[in-house]
Amino acid sequence: MAELQTVARPYAEAAFEIAQDAKALPQWSAALKIAAAVAADPRMEEALDNPRLTSAEKETLFLSVAGDGFAADMRRFARVLIDADRIKLLPQIRTLFEARKNAADNVAKAEIETAM
């Protein structure tokens, strides 16, 4: 798992920088949540692993399932991930992106346990 985090980190950093420059952190967060869920679906994983599909066909499939609401920069980001055969890293990219976003927003996550 640590290896996936290592490979995903540069993509998460790039996504964060793009989103921050566009002042669109919440939009990117929402888009990455959807994209990560789509990429983690077993049927989508199988389709993206299909060697008979071209990168363009995989991109069309992925974006049609993920939704048309993605901004142009998010669509380009997905295209880069598909072309680099890194689309399966979206769940890790999202986790790293959210951690970076929370740090930028000075948000800390906490878990509270009570006796009741």
C-alpha atoms as a PDB file:
ATOM      1  CA  MET A   1       0.000   0.000   0.000  1.00  0.00           C
ATOM      2  CA  ALA A   2       2.877   2.367   0.753  1.00  0.00           C
ATOM      3  CA  GLU A   3       4.151   1.832  -2.782  1.00  0.00           C
ATOM      4  CA  LEU A   4       0.812   2.956  -4.227  1.00  0.00           C
ATOM      5  CA  GLN A   5       0.924   6.049  -2.030  1.00  0.00           C
ATOM      6  CA  THR A   6       4.422   6.822  -3.294  1.00  0.00           C
ATOM      7  CA  VAL A   7       3.391   6.517  -6.935  1.00  0.00           C
ATOM      8  CA  ALA A   8       0.162   8.481  -6.342  1.00  0.00           C
ATOM      9  CA  ARG A   9       1.817  11.371  -4.476  1.00  0.00           C
ATOM     10  CA  PRO A  10       3.079  13.362  -7.514  1.00  0.00           C
ATOM     11  CA  TYR A  11      -0.355  13.118  -9.133  1.00  0.00           C
ATOM     12  CA  ALA A  12      -2.065  14.241  -5.925  1.00  0.00           C
ATOM     13  CA  GLU A  13       0.355  17.161  -5.616  1.00  0.00           C
ATOM     14  CA  ALA A  14      -0.297  18.150  -9.219  1.00  0.00           C
ATOM     15  CA  ALA A  15      -4.066  17.948  -8.706  1.00  0.00           C
ATOM     16  CA  PHE A  16      -3.800  20.074  -5.581  1.00  0.00           C
ATOM     17  CA  GLU A  17      -1.699  22.716  -7.337  1.00  0.00           C
ATOM     18  CA  ILE A  18      -4.104  22.863 -10.289  1.00  0.00           C
ATOM     19  CA  ALA A  19      -7.114  23.129  -7.979  1.00  0.00           C
ATOM     20  CA  GLN A  20      -5.469  25.721  -5.756  1.00  0.00           C
ATOM     21  CA  ASP A  21      -4.413  27.865  -8.718  1.00  0.00           C
ATOM     22  CA  ALA A  22      -7.957  27.723 -10.083  1.00  0.00           C
ATOM     23  CA  LYS A  23      -9.382  28.434  -6.600  1.00  0.00           C
ATOM     24  CA  ALA A  24     -11.446  25.289  -7.035  1.00  0.00           C
ATOM     25  CA  LEU A  25     -10.415  23.041  -4.132  1.00  0.00           C
ATOM     26  CA  PRO A  26     -14.013  22.084  -3.181  1.00  0.00           C
ATOM     27  CA  GLN A  27     -14.916  21.309  -6.790  1.00  0.00           C
ATOM     28  CA  TRP A  28     -11.817  19.177  -7.265  1.00  0.00           C
ATOM     29  CA  SER A  29     -12.485  17.411  -3.980  1.00  0.00           C
ATOM     30  CA  ALA A  30     -15.996  16.502  -5.130  1.00  0.00           C
ATOM     31  CA  ALA A  31     -14.786  15.457  -8.590  1.00  0.00           C
ATOM     32  CA  LEU A  32     -12.014  13.283  -7.153  1.00  0.00           C
ATOM     33  CA  LYS A  33     -14.510  11.619  -4.825  1.00  0.00           C
ATOM     34  CA  ILE A  34     -16.661  10.618  -7.799  1.00  0.00           C
ATOM     35  CA  ALA A  35     -13.690   9.669  -9.968  1.00  0.00           C
ATOM     36  CA  ALA A  36     -12.153   7.529  -7.213  1.00  0.00           C
ATOM     37  CA  ALA A  37     -15.422   5.665  -6.700  1.00  0.00           C
ATOM     38  CA  VAL A  38     -15.744   5.002 -10.433  1.00  0.00           C
ATOM     39  CA  ALA A  39     -12.110   3.863 -10.717  1.00  0.00           C
ATOM     40  CA  ALA A  40     -12.515   1.502  -7.754  1.00  0.00           C
ATOM     41  CA  ASP A  41     -15.569  -0.230  -9.235  1.00  0.00           C
ATOM     42  CA  PRO A  42     -14.602  -3.792 -10.250  1.00  0.00           C
ATOM     43  CA  ARG A  43     -16.397  -3.523 -13.591  1.00  0.00           C
ATOM     44  CA  MET A  44     -14.554  -0.303 -14.433  1.00  0.00           C
ATOM     45  CA  GLU A  45     -11.242  -1.850 -13.367  1.00  0.00           C
ATOM     46  CA  GLU A  46     -11.902  -4.746 -15.726  1.00  0.00           C
ATOM     47  CA  ALA A  47     -12.747  -2.409 -18.600  1.00  0.00           C
ATOM     48  CA  LEU A  48      -9.681  -0.240 -17.992  1.00  0.00           C
ATOM     49  CA  ASP A  49      -7.490  -3.365 -17.982  1.00  0.00           C
ATOM     50  CA  ASN A  50      -8.864  -4.477 -21.342  1.00  0.00           C
ATOM     51  CA  PRO A  51      -5.941  -4.349 -23.796  1.00  0.00           C
ATOM     52  CA  ARG A  52      -8.319  -4.142 -26.759  1.00  0.00           C
ATOM     53  CA  LEU A  53      -9.484  -0.667 -25.714  1.00  0.00           C
ATOM     54  CA  THR A  54      -7.446   2.337 -26.766  1.00  0.00           C
ATOM     55  CA  SER A  55      -6.643   5.138 -24.346  1.00  0.00           C
ATOM     56  CA  ALA A  56      -9.257   7.292 -26.084  1.00  0.00           C
ATOM     57  CA  GLU A  57     -11.902   4.606 -25.646  1.00  0.00           C
ATOM     58  CA  LYS A  58     -10.972   4.151 -21.983  1.00  0.00           C
ATOM     59  CA  GLU A  59     -11.169   7.911 -21.473  1.00  0.00           C
ATOM     60  CA  THR A  60     -14.584   8.099 -23.127  1.00  0.00           C
ATOM     61  CA  LEU A  61     -15.845   5.204 -21.027  1.00  0.00           C
ATOM     62  CA  PHE A  62     -14.455   6.568 -17.780  1.00  0.00           C
ATOM     63  CA  LEU A  63     -15.743  10.096 -18.320  1.00  0.00           C
ATOM     64  CA  SER A  64     -19.167   8.900 -19.448  1.00  0.00           C
ATOM     65  CA  VAL A  65     -19.560   6.926 -16.220  1.00  0.00           C
ATOM     66  CA  ALA A  66     -17.941   9.541 -13.982  1.00  0.00           C
ATOM     67  CA  GLY A  67     -20.205  12.257 -15.304  1.00  0.00           C
ATOM     68  CA  ASP A  68     -20.193  15.207 -17.607  1.00  0.00           C
ATOM     69  CA  GLY A  69     -19.940  17.663 -14.728  1.00  0.00           C
ATOM     70  CA  PHE A  70     -16.156  17.540 -14.598  1.00  0.00           C
ATOM     71  CA  ALA A  71     -14.411  20.773 -15.412  1.00  0.00           C
ATOM     72  CA  ALA A  72     -12.012  20.809 -18.360  1.00  0.00           C
ATOM     73  CA  ASP A  73      -8.939  20.616 -16.120  1.00  0.00           C
ATOM     74  CA  MET A  74     -10.333  17.563 -14.297  1.00  0.00           C
ATOM     75  CA  ARG A  75     -11.018  15.911 -17.654  1.00  0.00           C
ATOM     76  CA  ARG A  76      -7.417  16.586 -18.713  1.00  0.00           C
ATOM     77  CA  PHE A  77      -6.189  15.177 -15.400  1.00  0.00           C
ATOM     78  CA  ALA A  78      -8.183  11.976 -15.973  1.00  0.00           C
ATOM     79  CA  ARG A  79      -6.763  11.773 -19.503  1.00  0.00           C
ATOM     80  CA  VAL A  80      -3.205  11.997 -18.151  1.00  0.00           C
ATOM     81  CA  LEU A  81      -3.923   9.243 -15.620  1.00  0.00           C
ATOM     82  CA  ILE A  82      -5.413   6.997 -18.303  1.00  0.00           C
ATOM     83  CA  ASP A  83      -2.555   7.615 -20.735  1.00  0.00           C
ATOM     84  CA  ALA A  84      -0.012   6.856 -18.010  1.00  0.00           C
ATOM     85  CA  ASP A  85      -1.982   3.768 -16.925  1.00  0.00           C
ATOM     86  CA  ARG A  86      -2.386   5.303 -13.457  1.00  0.00           C
ATOM     87  CA  ILE A  87      -6.170   5.704 -13.319  1.00  0.00           C
ATOM     88  CA  LYS A  88      -6.384   2.927 -10.710  1.00  0.00           C
ATOM     89  CA  LEU A  89      -4.499   5.201  -8.326  1.00  0.00           C
ATOM     90  CA  LEU A  90      -7.444   7.587  -8.018  1.00  0.00           C
ATOM     91  CA  PRO A  91      -8.476   6.361  -4.540  1.00  0.00           C
ATOM     92  CA  GLN A  92      -4.946   6.988  -3.246  1.00  0.00           C
ATOM     93  CA  ILE A  93      -4.704  10.285  -5.124  1.00  0.00           C
ATOM     94  CA  ARG A  94      -7.969  11.397  -3.536  1.00  0.00           C
ATOM     95  CA  THR A  95      -6.759  10.468  -0.039  1.00  0.00           C
ATOM     96  CA  LEU A  96      -3.519  12.403  -0.499  1.00  0.00           C
ATOM     97  CA  PHE A  97      -5.357  15.350  -2.085  1.00  0.00           C
ATOM     98  CA  GLU A  98      -7.796  15.525   0.847  1.00  0.00           C
ATOM     99  CA  ALA A  99      -4.935  15.437   3.355  1.00  0.00           C
ATOM    100  CA  ARG A 100      -3.226  18.317   1.552  1.00  0.00           C
ATOM    101  CA  LYS A 101      -6.519  20.236   1.280  1.00  0.00           C
ATOM    102  CA  ASN A 102      -7.243  19.758   4.982  1.00  0.00           C
ATOM    103  CA  ALA A 103      -3.768  20.991   5.872  1.00  0.00           C
ATOM    104  CA  ALA A 104      -4.246  24.075   3.678  1.00  0.00           C
ATOM    105  CA  ASP A 105      -7.636  24.740   5.277  1.00  0.00           C
ATOM    106  CA  ASN A 106      -6.247  24.139   8.795  1.00  0.00           C
ATOM    107  CA  VAL A 107      -8.700  21.285   9.314  1.00  0.00           C
ATOM    108  CA  ALA A 108      -7.877  18.368  11.556  1.00  0.00           C
ATOM    109  CA  LYS A 109      -9.747  15.086  11.595  1.00  0.00           C
ATOM    110  CA  ALA A 110     -10.520  13.587  14.975  1.00  0.00           C
ATOM    111  CA  GLU A 111     -12.256  10.468  16.192  1.00  0.00           C
ATOM    112  CA  ILE A 112     -14.045  10.633  19.518  1.00  0.00           C
ATOM    113  CA  GLU A 113     -14.885   7.566  21.562  1.00  0.00           C
ATOM    114  CA  THR A 114     -17.134   7.688  24.587  1.00  0.00           C
ATOM    115  CA  ALA A 115     -18.146   5.170  27.210  1.00  0.00           C
ATOM    116  CA  MET A 116     -21.764   5.325  26.120  1.00  0.00           C
END
